[in-house]
Amino acid sequence: MNELYAIILGLVQGISEWLPISSKTQILFASTLLFSLPLAVAYAFGLFMEIGSVGSALVYFRRDIRSLFNDRRLVIYLLVVTAFTGLVGAPLYYLTDKVLSTSPYNIGIPMVLLGLVLIGIGFYIRYSHTRPRPVVGLEEMKLKNYIVIGIAQGLAALPGVSRSGMTVSTMLLMGVKPELAFRLSYLAYIPASLGAFFVTLLLSRPQVDMAIQVVEPTGILIAIATSALVGIVVISYLLKFAKKSRIYVIDFVLGAIALALGIIATIYAPQSPPVLS
């Protein structure tokens, strides 16, 4: 077991989960490069590794989680978003798992598209004369907003599609203030990621078992612990960035990151279909 490789996996997960660059895609890259995992196995492993980032969110948002007992609006938001995330995400995951096991798939293209969308939203917010009225709290959002956010999050089951990029950009288009958009996106991540973790174990157990065998249980634990610790720092920084920056600046920065890494992924992504035994 190579401890350094495990730490690298943890760093990749801990940083990329909270940026619009699709953490499962970055883990896919890292695990295929470091451990030579087949594409379908690396994809399932990327979702499995999200359990470390769940730890980050649980620690950082512990006060928000405790407030669920007194915040009916937040409970409804999380229930609706999670339900529609599952309705969209679970079938997409099943289909994607089958495709990656039999056919080539360039995971960089969705990242490029998301980057362009984020930059486009930035231009729209910066120059549009019909900007949405700023949303300052959950009480100003409606059920249809929750449903759209849930659908956007569910689409992130596709390789190369960033969950945080989809949800944050969707809320920014709705007029949600950046800090609130990031916070609500990260809170919605907790139940969605736990669901993805168990769906992965249910539908892709052979791939997960293969990844654990290659990386080894100790390596998995090191990677998860690293991603949890790094994630807390990244969340804190991004929320401060969202609070101080203009909305269109945030879109430009996040879009540029997604676009750049998407182009790199498009060029260097592994595309040969794996053969699983």
C-alpha atoms as a PDB file:
ATOM      1  CA  MET A   1       0.000   0.000   0.000  1.00  0.00           C
ATOM      2  CA  ASN A   2       1.366   3.398  -0.994  1.00  0.00           C
ATOM      3  CA  GLU A   3       0.440   5.957   1.674  1.00  0.00           C
ATOM      4  CA  LEU A   4       1.446   8.864  -0.568  1.00  0.00           C
ATOM      5  CA  TYR A   5      -0.965   7.769  -3.294  1.00  0.00           C
ATOM      6  CA  ALA A   6      -3.744   7.467  -0.712  1.00  0.00           C
ATOM      7  CA  ILE A   7      -3.041  10.990   0.561  1.00  0.00           C
ATOM      8  CA  ILE A   8      -3.088  12.295  -3.031  1.00  0.00           C
ATOM      9  CA  LEU A   9      -6.501  10.684  -3.548  1.00  0.00           C
ATOM     10  CA  GLY A  10      -7.728  12.349  -0.361  1.00  0.00           C
ATOM     11  CA  LEU A  11      -6.408  15.748  -1.438  1.00  0.00           C
ATOM     12  CA  VAL A  12      -8.045  15.411  -4.847  1.00  0.00           C
ATOM     13  CA  GLN A  13     -11.404  14.494  -3.289  1.00  0.00           C
ATOM     14  CA  GLY A  14     -11.195  17.087  -0.515  1.00  0.00           C
ATOM     15  CA  ILE A  15     -10.501  19.953  -2.909  1.00  0.00           C
ATOM     16  CA  SER A  16     -12.475  19.025  -6.019  1.00  0.00           C
ATOM     17  CA  GLU A  17     -15.732  18.112  -4.261  1.00  0.00           C
ATOM     18  CA  TRP A  18     -16.472  21.740  -3.439  1.00  0.00           C
ATOM     19  CA  LEU A  19     -15.402  23.222  -6.787  1.00  0.00           C
ATOM     20  CA  PRO A  20     -17.315  22.965 -10.108  1.00  0.00           C
ATOM     21  CA  ILE A  21     -14.915  20.373 -11.496  1.00  0.00           C
ATOM     22  CA  SER A  22     -16.661  17.081 -10.682  1.00  0.00           C
ATOM     23  CA  SER A  23     -14.813  15.322  -7.858  1.00  0.00           C
ATOM     24  CA  LYS A  24     -15.790  11.875  -9.141  1.00  0.00           C
ATOM     25  CA  THR A  25     -14.087  12.753 -12.431  1.00  0.00           C
ATOM     26  CA  GLN A  26     -10.918  13.915 -10.689  1.00  0.00           C
ATOM     27  CA  ILE A  27     -10.878  10.743  -8.570  1.00  0.00           C
ATOM     28  CA  LEU A  28     -11.424   8.771 -11.775  1.00  0.00           C
ATOM     29  CA  PHE A  29      -8.322  10.406 -13.256  1.00  0.00           C
ATOM     30  CA  ALA A  30      -6.247   9.974 -10.119  1.00  0.00           C
ATOM     31  CA  SER A  31      -7.223   6.373  -9.470  1.00  0.00           C
ATOM     32  CA  THR A  32      -6.657   5.286 -13.078  1.00  0.00           C
ATOM     33  CA  LEU A  33      -3.277   7.045 -13.085  1.00  0.00           C
ATOM     34  CA  LEU A  34      -2.068   5.916  -9.662  1.00  0.00           C
ATOM     35  CA  PHE A  35      -3.711   2.491  -9.383  1.00  0.00           C
ATOM     36  CA  SER A  36      -4.541   1.605 -13.016  1.00  0.00           C
ATOM     37  CA  LEU A  37      -8.214   1.040 -12.204  1.00  0.00           C
ATOM     38  CA  PRO A  38     -10.552   0.309 -15.144  1.00  0.00           C
ATOM     39  CA  LEU A  39     -12.830   3.199 -16.078  1.00  0.00           C
ATOM     40  CA  ALA A  40     -16.078   1.745 -14.687  1.00  0.00           C
ATOM     41  CA  VAL A  41     -14.335   0.773 -11.443  1.00  0.00           C
ATOM     42  CA  ALA A  42     -12.792   4.239 -11.090  1.00  0.00           C
ATOM     43  CA  TYR A  43     -16.206   5.852 -11.677  1.00  0.00           C
ATOM     44  CA  ALA A  44     -17.834   3.807  -8.906  1.00  0.00           C
ATOM     45  CA  PHE A  45     -14.838   4.459  -6.670  1.00  0.00           C
ATOM     46  CA  GLY A  46     -15.238   8.217  -7.227  1.00  0.00           C
ATOM     47  CA  LEU A  47     -18.767   8.096  -5.813  1.00  0.00           C
ATOM     48  CA  PHE A  48     -17.634   5.812  -2.996  1.00  0.00           C
ATOM     49  CA  MET A  49     -14.937   8.319  -1.989  1.00  0.00           C
ATOM     50  CA  GLU A  50     -17.532  11.039  -1.420  1.00  0.00           C
ATOM     51  CA  ILE A  51     -18.062   9.630   2.062  1.00  0.00           C
ATOM     52  CA  GLY A  52     -14.996  11.585   3.197  1.00  0.00           C
ATOM     53  CA  SER A  53     -16.498  14.856   1.972  1.00  0.00           C
ATOM     54  CA  VAL A  54     -19.716  14.019   3.817  1.00  0.00           C
ATOM     55  CA  GLY A  55     -17.597  14.085   6.973  1.00  0.00           C
ATOM     56  CA  SER A  56     -16.364  17.582   6.066  1.00  0.00           C
ATOM     57  CA  ALA A  57     -19.911  18.853   5.582  1.00  0.00           C
ATOM     58  CA  LEU A  58     -21.213  17.239   8.767  1.00  0.00           C
ATOM     59  CA  VAL A  59     -18.482  18.898  10.825  1.00  0.00           C
ATOM     60  CA  TYR A  60     -18.593  22.325   9.154  1.00  0.00           C
ATOM     61  CA  PHE A  61     -22.400  22.600   9.033  1.00  0.00           C
ATOM     62  CA  ARG A  62     -23.097  20.956  12.392  1.00  0.00           C
ATOM     63  CA  ARG A  63     -25.010  24.030  13.623  1.00  0.00           C
ATOM     64  CA  ASP A  64     -27.198  24.076  10.503  1.00  0.00           C
ATOM     65  CA  ILE A  65     -27.858  20.365  10.963  1.00  0.00           C
ATOM     66  CA  ARG A  66     -28.881  20.890  14.586  1.00  0.00           C
ATOM     67  CA  SER A  67     -31.197  23.702  13.473  1.00  0.00           C
ATOM     68  CA  LEU A  68     -33.191  21.219  11.363  1.00  0.00           C
ATOM     69  CA  PHE A  69     -35.283  20.505  14.451  1.00  0.00           C
ATOM     70  CA  ASN A  70     -36.473  24.132  14.442  1.00  0.00           C
ATOM     71  CA  ASP A  71     -36.251  25.098  10.762  1.00  0.00           C
ATOM     72  CA  ARG A  72     -39.211  23.609   8.900  1.00  0.00           C
ATOM     73  CA  ARG A  73     -38.336  25.416   5.669  1.00  0.00           C
ATOM     74  CA  LEU A  74     -34.829  23.948   5.568  1.00  0.00           C
ATOM     75  CA  VAL A  75     -36.211  20.449   6.222  1.00  0.00           C
ATOM     76  CA  ILE A  76     -38.658  20.791   3.301  1.00  0.00           C
ATOM     77  CA  TYR A  77     -35.882  22.116   1.066  1.00  0.00           C
ATOM     78  CA  LEU A  78     -33.612  19.150   1.840  1.00  0.00           C
ATOM     79  CA  LEU A  79     -36.399  16.574   1.489  1.00  0.00           C
ATOM     80  CA  VAL A  80     -37.624  17.883  -1.886  1.00  0.00           C
ATOM     81  CA  VAL A  81     -34.144  18.422  -3.338  1.00  0.00           C
ATOM     82  CA  THR A  82     -32.980  14.988  -2.177  1.00  0.00           C
ATOM     83  CA  ALA A  83     -36.087  13.249  -3.542  1.00  0.00           C
ATOM     84  CA  PHE A  84     -35.706  14.727  -7.019  1.00  0.00           C
ATOM     85  CA  THR A  85     -31.957  14.161  -6.936  1.00  0.00           C
ATOM     86  CA  GLY A  86     -32.633  10.476  -6.377  1.00  0.00           C
ATOM     87  CA  LEU A  87     -35.336  10.285  -9.052  1.00  0.00           C
ATOM     88  CA  VAL A  88     -32.952  11.713 -11.633  1.00  0.00           C
ATOM     89  CA  GLY A  89     -29.585  10.533 -10.354  1.00  0.00           C
ATOM     90  CA  ALA A  90     -30.200   6.841  -9.606  1.00  0.00           C
ATOM     91  CA  PRO A  91     -31.331   5.908 -13.166  1.00  0.00           C
ATOM     92  CA  LEU A  92     -28.530   8.014 -14.649  1.00  0.00           C
ATOM     93  CA  TYR A  93     -25.968   6.266 -12.470  1.00  0.00           C
ATOM     94  CA  TYR A  94     -27.262   2.831 -13.496  1.00  0.00           C
ATOM     95  CA  LEU A  95     -27.151   3.707 -17.203  1.00  0.00           C
ATOM     96  CA  THR A  96     -23.730   5.372 -16.929  1.00  0.00           C
ATOM     97  CA  ASP A  97     -22.292   2.361 -15.117  1.00  0.00           C
ATOM     98  CA  LYS A  98     -23.407   0.143 -17.998  1.00  0.00           C
ATOM     99  CA  VAL A  99     -22.064   2.526 -20.637  1.00  0.00           C
ATOM    100  CA  LEU A 100     -18.659   2.842 -19.000  1.00  0.00           C
ATOM    101  CA  SER A 101     -18.388  -0.925 -18.807  1.00  0.00           C
ATOM    102  CA  THR A 102     -18.904  -1.364 -22.547  1.00  0.00           C
ATOM    103  CA  SER A 103     -18.288   1.903 -24.439  1.00  0.00           C
ATOM    104  CA  PRO A 104     -15.862   4.845 -24.525  1.00  0.00           C
ATOM    105  CA  TYR A 105     -17.011   8.083 -22.882  1.00  0.00           C
ATOM    106  CA  ASN A 106     -15.119  11.369 -22.853  1.00  0.00           C
ATOM    107  CA  ILE A 107     -15.648  12.794 -19.375  1.00  0.00           C
ATOM    108  CA  GLY A 108     -14.108  16.152 -20.246  1.00  0.00           C
ATOM    109  CA  ILE A 109     -16.914  17.330 -22.529  1.00  0.00           C
ATOM    110  CA  PRO A 110     -19.543  17.846 -19.765  1.00  0.00           C
ATOM    111  CA  MET A 111     -16.974  19.833 -17.763  1.00  0.00           C
ATOM    112  CA  VAL A 112     -16.298  22.106 -20.747  1.00  0.00           C
ATOM    113  CA  LEU A 113     -20.032  22.659 -21.230  1.00  0.00           C
ATOM    114  CA  LEU A 114     -20.526  23.436 -17.535  1.00  0.00           C
ATOM    115  CA  GLY A 115     -17.631  25.914 -17.635  1.00  0.00           C
ATOM    116  CA  LEU A 116     -19.183  27.681 -20.621  1.00  0.00           C
ATOM    117  CA  VAL A 117     -22.569  27.765 -18.877  1.00  0.00           C
ATOM    118  CA  LEU A 118     -21.056  29.314 -15.738  1.00  0.00           C
ATOM    119  CA  ILE A 119     -19.226  31.954 -17.762  1.00  0.00           C
ATOM    120  CA  GLY A 120     -22.410  32.632 -19.728  1.00  0.00           C
ATOM    121  CA  ILE A 121     -24.342  33.097 -16.492  1.00  0.00           C
ATOM    122  CA  GLY A 122     -21.639  35.519 -15.341  1.00  0.00           C
ATOM    123  CA  PHE A 123     -22.049  37.624 -18.480  1.00  0.00           C
ATOM    124  CA  TYR A 124     -25.834  37.513 -18.135  1.00  0.00           C
ATOM    125  CA  ILE A 125     -25.758  38.688 -14.515  1.00  0.00           C
ATOM    126  CA  ARG A 126     -23.118  41.333 -15.257  1.00  0.00           C
ATOM    127  CA  TYR A 127     -24.760  42.913 -18.293  1.00  0.00           C
ATOM    128  CA  SER A 128     -28.443  42.002 -18.185  1.00  0.00           C
ATOM    129  CA  HIS A 129     -30.934  44.775 -17.454  1.00  0.00           C
ATOM    130  CA  THR A 130     -33.490  42.245 -16.185  1.00  0.00           C
ATOM    131  CA  ARG A 131     -31.561  40.637 -13.361  1.00  0.00           C
ATOM    132  CA  PRO A 132     -33.502  38.456 -10.918  1.00  0.00           C
ATOM    133  CA  ARG A 133     -34.392  40.031  -7.591  1.00  0.00           C
ATOM    134  CA  PRO A 134     -31.842  38.918  -4.967  1.00  0.00           C
ATOM    135  CA  VAL A 135     -33.046  36.020  -2.809  1.00  0.00           C
ATOM    136  CA  VAL A 136     -31.881  36.483   0.753  1.00  0.00           C
ATOM    137  CA  GLY A 137     -33.473  33.482   2.444  1.00  0.00           C
ATOM    138  CA  LEU A 138     -35.180  30.123   1.979  1.00  0.00           C
ATOM    139  CA  GLU A 139     -38.545  31.702   2.762  1.00  0.00           C
ATOM    140  CA  GLU A 140     -38.383  33.552  -0.575  1.00  0.00           C
ATOM    141  CA  MET A 141     -37.841  30.332  -2.547  1.00  0.00           C
ATOM    142  CA  LYS A 142     -40.762  28.231  -3.754  1.00  0.00           C
ATOM    143  CA  LEU A 143     -41.355  24.515  -4.202  1.00  0.00           C
ATOM    144  CA  LYS A 144     -40.603  24.734  -7.927  1.00  0.00           C
ATOM    145  CA  ASN A 145     -37.169  26.174  -7.067  1.00  0.00           C
ATOM    146  CA  TYR A 146     -36.420  23.194  -4.837  1.00  0.00           C
ATOM    147  CA  ILE A 147     -37.488  20.791  -7.597  1.00  0.00           C
ATOM    148  CA  VAL A 148     -35.259  22.447 -10.205  1.00  0.00           C
ATOM    149  CA  ILE A 149     -32.295  22.381  -7.798  1.00  0.00           C
ATOM    150  CA  GLY A 150     -32.921  18.686  -7.124  1.00  0.00           C
ATOM    151  CA  ILE A 151     -33.033  17.882 -10.828  1.00  0.00           C
ATOM    152  CA  ALA A 152     -29.819  19.849 -11.397  1.00  0.00           C
ATOM    153  CA  GLN A 153     -28.124  17.930  -8.608  1.00  0.00           C
ATOM    154  CA  GLY A 154     -29.361  14.605  -9.989  1.00  0.00           C
ATOM    155  CA  LEU A 155     -27.779  15.337 -13.376  1.00  0.00           C
ATOM    156  CA  ALA A 156     -24.417  15.357 -11.605  1.00  0.00           C
ATOM    157  CA  ALA A 157     -24.542  11.559 -11.578  1.00  0.00           C
ATOM    158  CA  LEU A 158     -23.090  11.827 -15.086  1.00  0.00           C
ATOM    159  CA  PRO A 159     -19.279  11.642 -15.254  1.00  0.00           C
ATOM    160  CA  GLY A 160     -17.772  15.075 -15.794  1.00  0.00           C
ATOM    161  CA  VAL A 161     -20.808  16.937 -14.428  1.00  0.00           C
ATOM    162  CA  SER A 162     -20.119  18.810 -11.199  1.00  0.00           C
ATOM    163  CA  ARG A 163     -22.739  18.617  -8.463  1.00  0.00           C
ATOM    164  CA  SER A 164     -21.730  21.893  -6.815  1.00  0.00           C
ATOM    165  CA  GLY A 165     -21.366  23.580 -10.205  1.00  0.00           C
ATOM    166  CA  MET A 166     -24.876  22.516 -11.233  1.00  0.00           C
ATOM    167  CA  THR A 167     -26.598  23.497  -7.996  1.00  0.00           C
ATOM    168  CA  VAL A 168     -24.738  26.756  -7.363  1.00  0.00           C
ATOM    169  CA  SER A 169     -25.141  27.993 -10.944  1.00  0.00           C
ATOM    170  CA  THR A 170     -28.845  27.068 -10.881  1.00  0.00           C
ATOM    171  CA  MET A 171     -29.396  29.037  -7.680  1.00  0.00           C
ATOM    172  CA  LEU A 172     -27.392  32.016  -8.911  1.00  0.00           C
ATOM    173  CA  LEU A 173     -29.648  32.149 -11.975  1.00  0.00           C
ATOM    174  CA  MET A 174     -32.627  32.163  -9.605  1.00  0.00           C
ATOM    175  CA  GLY A 175     -31.183  35.222  -7.925  1.00  0.00           C
ATOM    176  CA  VAL A 176     -29.964  33.476  -4.781  1.00  0.00           C
ATOM    177  CA  LYS A 177     -27.111  35.374  -3.152  1.00  0.00           C
ATOM    178  CA  PRO A 178     -23.742  33.618  -3.575  1.00  0.00           C
ATOM    179  CA  GLU A 179     -23.074  32.799   0.080  1.00  0.00           C
ATOM    180  CA  LEU A 180     -26.574  31.344   0.502  1.00  0.00           C
ATOM    181  CA  ALA A 181     -26.267  29.428  -2.786  1.00  0.00           C
ATOM    182  CA  PHE A 182     -23.005  27.797  -1.676  1.00  0.00           C
ATOM    183  CA  ARG A 183     -24.382  27.004   1.785  1.00  0.00           C
ATOM    184  CA  LEU A 184     -27.613  25.478   0.470  1.00  0.00           C
ATOM    185  CA  SER A 185     -25.675  23.530  -2.162  1.00  0.00           C
ATOM    186  CA  TYR A 186     -23.316  22.084   0.439  1.00  0.00           C
ATOM    187  CA  LEU A 187     -26.154  21.194   2.820  1.00  0.00           C
ATOM    188  CA  ALA A 188     -28.041  19.426   0.010  1.00  0.00           C
ATOM    189  CA  TYR A 189     -24.858  17.495  -0.706  1.00  0.00           C
ATOM    190  CA  ILE A 190     -25.012  15.577   2.583  1.00  0.00           C
ATOM    191  CA  PRO A 191     -28.151  13.452   1.998  1.00  0.00           C
ATOM    192  CA  ALA A 192     -27.481  13.244  -1.745  1.00  0.00           C
ATOM    193  CA  SER A 193     -23.966  11.932  -1.234  1.00  0.00           C
ATOM    194  CA  LEU A 194     -25.045   9.429   1.407  1.00  0.00           C
ATOM    195  CA  GLY A 195     -27.630   8.189  -1.081  1.00  0.00           C
ATOM    196  CA  ALA A 196     -25.015   7.973  -3.845  1.00  0.00           C
ATOM    197  CA  PHE A 197     -22.705   6.047  -1.505  1.00  0.00           C
ATOM    198  CA  PHE A 198     -25.317   3.385  -0.773  1.00  0.00           C
ATOM    199  CA  VAL A 199     -26.525   3.230  -4.392  1.00  0.00           C
ATOM    200  CA  THR A 200     -22.918   2.595  -5.418  1.00  0.00           C
ATOM    201  CA  LEU A 201     -22.635  -0.248  -2.913  1.00  0.00           C
ATOM    202  CA  LEU A 202     -25.950  -1.663  -4.116  1.00  0.00           C
ATOM    203  CA  LEU A 203     -25.496  -1.415  -7.890  1.00  0.00           C
ATOM    204  CA  SER A 204     -21.704  -1.545  -8.273  1.00  0.00           C
ATOM    205  CA  ARG A 205     -20.489  -3.798  -5.485  1.00  0.00           C
ATOM    206  CA  PRO A 206     -18.029  -5.747  -7.714  1.00  0.00           C
ATOM    207  CA  GLN A 207     -16.382  -2.497  -8.879  1.00  0.00           C
ATOM    208  CA  VAL A 208     -16.163  -1.154  -5.320  1.00  0.00           C
ATOM    209  CA  ASP A 209     -14.709  -4.437  -4.051  1.00  0.00           C
ATOM    210  CA  MET A 210     -12.098  -4.356  -6.818  1.00  0.00           C
ATOM    211  CA  ALA A 211     -11.135  -0.755  -5.960  1.00  0.00           C
ATOM    212  CA  ILE A 212     -10.813  -1.606  -2.261  1.00  0.00           C
ATOM    213  CA  GLN A 213      -8.690  -4.636  -3.105  1.00  0.00           C
ATOM    214  CA  VAL A 214      -6.326  -2.532  -5.221  1.00  0.00           C
ATOM    215  CA  VAL A 215      -6.121   0.551  -3.007  1.00  0.00           C
ATOM    216  CA  GLU A 216      -6.327  -1.578   0.185  1.00  0.00           C
ATOM    217  CA  PRO A 217      -8.502  -0.823   3.247  1.00  0.00           C
ATOM    218  CA  THR A 218      -5.775   1.163   5.014  1.00  0.00           C
ATOM    219  CA  GLY A 219      -5.268   3.302   1.918  1.00  0.00           C
ATOM    220  CA  ILE A 220      -9.027   3.901   1.704  1.00  0.00           C
ATOM    221  CA  LEU A 221      -9.120   5.077   5.333  1.00  0.00           C
ATOM    222  CA  ILE A 222      -6.152   7.414   4.806  1.00  0.00           C
ATOM    223  CA  ALA A 223      -7.751   8.875   1.682  1.00  0.00           C
ATOM    224  CA  ILE A 224     -11.126   9.382   3.390  1.00  0.00           C
ATOM    225  CA  ALA A 225      -9.570  11.022   6.467  1.00  0.00           C
ATOM    226  CA  THR A 226      -7.446  13.319   4.280  1.00  0.00           C
ATOM    227  CA  SER A 227     -10.414  14.364   2.154  1.00  0.00           C
ATOM    228  CA  ALA A 228     -12.489  15.126   5.266  1.00  0.00           C
ATOM    229  CA  LEU A 229      -9.839  17.361   6.826  1.00  0.00           C
ATOM    230  CA  VAL A 230      -8.972  19.177   3.596  1.00  0.00           C
ATOM    231  CA  GLY A 231     -12.653  19.639   2.764  1.00  0.00           C
ATOM    232  CA  ILE A 232     -13.319  21.613   5.952  1.00  0.00           C
ATOM    233  CA  VAL A 233     -10.635  24.134   4.977  1.00  0.00           C
ATOM    234  CA  VAL A 234     -11.890  24.394   1.380  1.00  0.00           C
ATOM    235  CA  ILE A 235     -15.523  24.919   2.439  1.00  0.00           C
ATOM    236  CA  SER A 236     -14.490  27.709   4.812  1.00  0.00           C
ATOM    237  CA  TYR A 237     -12.465  29.483   2.143  1.00  0.00           C
ATOM    238  CA  LEU A 238     -15.139  29.202  -0.559  1.00  0.00           C
ATOM    239  CA  LEU A 239     -17.883  30.557   1.705  1.00  0.00           C
ATOM    240  CA  LYS A 240     -15.697  33.559   2.547  1.00  0.00           C
ATOM    241  CA  PHE A 241     -14.972  34.044  -1.157  1.00  0.00           C
ATOM    242  CA  ALA A 242     -18.698  33.892  -1.962  1.00  0.00           C
ATOM    243  CA  LYS A 243     -19.496  36.421   0.756  1.00  0.00           C
ATOM    244  CA  LYS A 244     -16.964  39.008  -0.431  1.00  0.00           C
ATOM    245  CA  SER A 245     -17.162  38.639  -4.224  1.00  0.00           C
ATOM    246  CA  ARG A 246     -19.688  39.824  -6.779  1.00  0.00           C
ATOM    247  CA  ILE A 247     -21.887  37.124  -8.279  1.00  0.00           C
ATOM    248  CA  TYR A 248     -20.570  37.473 -11.827  1.00  0.00           C
ATOM    249  CA  VAL A 249     -16.961  37.309 -10.575  1.00  0.00           C
ATOM    250  CA  ILE A 250     -17.746  34.014  -8.854  1.00  0.00           C
ATOM    251  CA  ASP A 251     -19.296  32.666 -12.073  1.00  0.00           C
ATOM    252  CA  PHE A 252     -16.282  33.756 -14.136  1.00  0.00           C
ATOM    253  CA  VAL A 253     -13.793  32.177 -11.703  1.00  0.00           C
ATOM    254  CA  LEU A 254     -15.670  28.890 -11.279  1.00  0.00           C
ATOM    255  CA  GLY A 255     -16.420  28.731 -15.006  1.00  0.00           C
ATOM    256  CA  ALA A 256     -12.766  29.284 -15.923  1.00  0.00           C
ATOM    257  CA  ILE A 257     -11.688  26.484 -13.552  1.00  0.00           C
ATOM    258  CA  ALA A 258     -14.245  24.053 -14.986  1.00  0.00           C
ATOM    259  CA  LEU A 259     -13.442  25.045 -18.571  1.00  0.00           C
ATOM    260  CA  ALA A 260      -9.681  24.671 -18.150  1.00  0.00           C
ATOM    261  CA  LEU A 261      -9.875  21.278 -16.454  1.00  0.00           C
ATOM    262  CA  GLY A 262     -12.564  20.162 -18.889  1.00  0.00           C
ATOM    263  CA  ILE A 263     -10.286  20.899 -21.844  1.00  0.00           C
ATOM    264  CA  ILE A 264      -7.454  18.991 -20.171  1.00  0.00           C
ATOM    265  CA  ALA A 265      -9.814  16.106 -19.460  1.00  0.00           C
ATOM    266  CA  THR A 266     -11.095  16.087 -23.033  1.00  0.00           C
ATOM    267  CA  ILE A 267      -7.552  15.731 -24.339  1.00  0.00           C
ATOM    268  CA  TYR A 268      -6.149  13.270 -21.814  1.00  0.00           C
ATOM    269  CA  ALA A 269      -9.188  11.351 -20.556  1.00  0.00           C
ATOM    270  CA  PRO A 270      -8.985   7.560 -20.712  1.00  0.00           C
ATOM    271  CA  GLN A 271     -11.545   6.448 -23.294  1.00  0.00           C
ATOM    272  CA  SER A 272     -10.954   2.776 -23.984  1.00  0.00           C
ATOM    273  CA  PRO A 273     -13.755   0.638 -22.568  1.00  0.00           C
ATOM    274  CA  PRO A 274     -12.653  -1.524 -19.637  1.00  0.00           C
ATOM    275  CA  VAL A 275     -13.224  -5.226 -19.389  1.00  0.00           C
ATOM    276  CA  LEU A 276     -14.556  -6.306 -16.009  1.00  0.00           C
ATOM    277  CA  SER A 277     -14.409  -9.840 -14.788  1.00  0.00           C
END
